[in-house]
Structure formats: structure tokens, C-alpha cells
Amino acid sequence: MAMLDACFSSKFRSKLGAATLYLAIALFVVHLGLTEVAAWMPGWSQMPMLSNPINAIYTPFSVLLIYEGYFLAYSPLNSWTSTTSSSTAFYTFLIMSDVCILLSSLSVYR
């Protein structure tokens, strides 16, 4: 029970939120860098996730979606309003992920 209390404390939530934000930014930069390096590496440019720089936008949303899943489990402990807003944010991230996938499939660079 102590571990569950520690995982759902406000201190843990704020640290997890900061770590998630830094991880999302770092993975975005890494993905964007790999997209640029793929032009010089034979075979890398044929990888779907490295073929277009717009695909790098999808990476932070994936990381933030994991945090929103945690927050969705955390919020029923507080109030109905935070549960509703958390589920709305969760679905918004799902929709934004789909939008990023659709944007990356456009042939803007070709």
C-alpha cells in the first residue's frame, strides 16, 4: 500500500511530469536528428519513420500520451472534474497522434 501511495503522491506526479516533458523534448530532437542523418546513411531513408521530418512531431505525442494515461489513473482519486478533463486530454492526444500520422503521409517533399 505504501508503494501505491508513493506512486500517486503529488510529489511523484510533478517529478514524473517534468521527466516526461524533458524526455519528450529529447526524443523529438533525437528523432529529428536521425531524420537528417538518414539522408547520408544508405537504407535509412527507406524507413517510414525516418523518411520525413514531419514524423518527428509524432514522437513527443507518444511520450505525453503515456503520461496522460498515468494521469487518467491518478485523477479519479481527486475529483470528477479532473477525471473528465484528463480523459479529454487523453483523447485529444490520441487525435493529435493520428493527425501527425496523416500529415507525415502527405507528399509535400516529393
Protein backbone atom coordinates (compact mmCIF):
# COMPACT_ATOMS: atom_id res chain seq x y z
CA MET A 1 0.00 0.00 0.00
CA ALA A 2 2.90 2.34 0.68
CA MET A 3 4.18 1.90 -2.87
CA LEU A 4 0.76 2.76 -4.27
CA ASP A 5 0.62 5.88 -2.11
CA ALA A 6 4.10 6.86 -3.29
CA CYS A 7 3.13 6.40 -6.97
CA PHE A 8 0.05 8.59 -6.59
CA SER A 9 1.55 11.35 -4.46
CA SER A 10 1.64 14.89 -5.78
CA LYS A 11 5.44 14.98 -5.43
CA PHE A 12 5.84 11.89 -7.63
CA ARG A 13 3.33 13.25 -10.14
CA SER A 14 5.21 16.54 -10.51
CA LYS A 15 8.56 14.74 -10.92
CA LEU A 16 7.04 12.37 -13.46
CA GLY A 17 5.51 15.29 -15.35
CA ALA A 18 8.85 17.10 -15.55
CA ALA A 19 10.68 13.93 -16.58
CA THR A 20 8.06 13.22 -19.24
CA LEU A 21 8.38 16.72 -20.66
CA TYR A 22 12.19 16.52 -20.83
CA LEU A 23 12.03 13.04 -22.34
CA ALA A 24 9.52 14.19 -24.99
CA ILE A 25 11.74 17.13 -25.97
CA ALA A 26 14.89 14.98 -26.02
CA LEU A 27 13.27 12.25 -28.12
CA PHE A 28 11.92 14.87 -30.54
CA VAL A 29 15.43 16.28 -31.05
CA VAL A 30 16.91 12.77 -31.43
CA HIS A 31 14.21 11.74 -33.92
CA LEU A 32 14.67 14.94 -35.91
CA GLY A 33 18.44 14.41 -35.90
CA LEU A 34 18.06 10.80 -37.08
CA THR A 35 15.80 12.03 -39.86
CA GLU A 36 18.56 14.36 -41.06
CA VAL A 37 21.27 11.71 -40.69
CA ALA A 38 19.14 9.23 -42.67
CA ALA A 39 19.90 11.19 -45.85
CA TRP A 40 23.56 10.12 -45.60
CA MET A 41 23.04 6.54 -44.46
CA PRO A 42 22.15 4.02 -47.15
CA GLY A 43 18.92 2.22 -46.39
CA TRP A 44 17.85 4.51 -43.55
CA SER A 45 15.84 6.83 -45.78
CA GLN A 46 13.56 3.92 -46.69
CA MET A 47 12.48 3.52 -43.05
CA PRO A 48 8.99 5.02 -42.76
CA MET A 49 9.68 6.91 -39.51
CA LEU A 50 12.89 8.44 -40.85
CA SER A 51 11.72 9.30 -44.35
CA ASN A 52 10.06 12.61 -43.47
CA PRO A 53 10.99 15.24 -40.83
CA ILE A 54 7.31 15.75 -40.02
CA ASN A 55 7.33 12.26 -38.47
CA ALA A 56 9.43 13.66 -35.61
CA ILE A 57 6.38 15.58 -34.40
CA TYR A 58 4.71 12.26 -33.59
CA THR A 59 7.38 11.24 -31.05
CA PRO A 60 6.60 13.77 -28.26
CA PHE A 61 2.89 13.00 -28.50
CA SER A 62 3.63 9.32 -27.90
CA VAL A 63 5.58 10.12 -24.74
CA LEU A 64 2.98 12.59 -23.49
CA LEU A 65 0.24 10.04 -24.17
CA ILE A 66 1.89 7.66 -21.69
CA TYR A 67 1.89 10.42 -19.06
CA GLU A 68 -1.74 11.22 -19.78
CA GLY A 69 -2.54 7.54 -19.26
CA TYR A 70 -0.93 7.76 -15.82
CA PHE A 71 -2.78 10.98 -15.09
CA LEU A 72 -6.04 9.34 -16.15
CA ALA A 73 -5.44 6.68 -13.47
CA TYR A 74 -4.41 9.36 -10.95
CA SER A 75 -7.32 11.75 -11.42
CA PRO A 76 -10.24 9.62 -10.08
CA LEU A 77 -8.58 9.93 -6.69
CA ASN A 78 -9.14 13.69 -6.74
CA SER A 79 -12.41 14.73 -8.34
CA TRP A 80 -14.84 14.12 -11.16
CA THR A 81 -13.84 17.35 -12.90
CA SER A 82 -10.17 16.40 -13.09
CA THR A 83 -11.14 12.92 -14.32
CA THR A 84 -13.21 14.40 -17.13
CA SER A 85 -10.52 16.89 -18.14
CA SER A 86 -7.87 14.19 -18.01
CA SER A 87 -9.85 11.87 -20.25
CA THR A 88 -10.48 14.75 -22.65
CA ALA A 89 -6.73 15.47 -22.80
CA PHE A 90 -6.04 11.76 -23.32
CA TYR A 91 -8.40 11.59 -26.30
CA THR A 92 -7.01 14.86 -27.65
CA PHE A 93 -3.51 13.35 -27.66
CA LEU A 94 -4.85 10.30 -29.48
CA ILE A 95 -6.43 12.51 -32.13
CA MET A 96 -3.27 14.63 -32.44
CA SER A 97 -1.22 11.46 -32.93
CA ASP A 98 -3.49 10.44 -35.78
CA VAL A 99 -3.23 13.93 -37.29
CA CYS A 100 0.58 13.71 -37.16
CA ILE A 101 0.49 10.34 -38.89
CA LEU A 102 -1.77 11.73 -41.61
CA LEU A 103 0.44 14.80 -42.05
CA SER A 104 3.51 12.65 -42.44
CA SER A 105 1.83 10.62 -45.19
CA LEU A 106 1.30 13.74 -47.32
CA SER A 107 3.71 14.05 -50.21
CA VAL A 108 4.85 17.62 -49.54
CA TYR A 109 8.55 16.91 -50.01
CA ARG A 110 8.23 14.82 -53.14
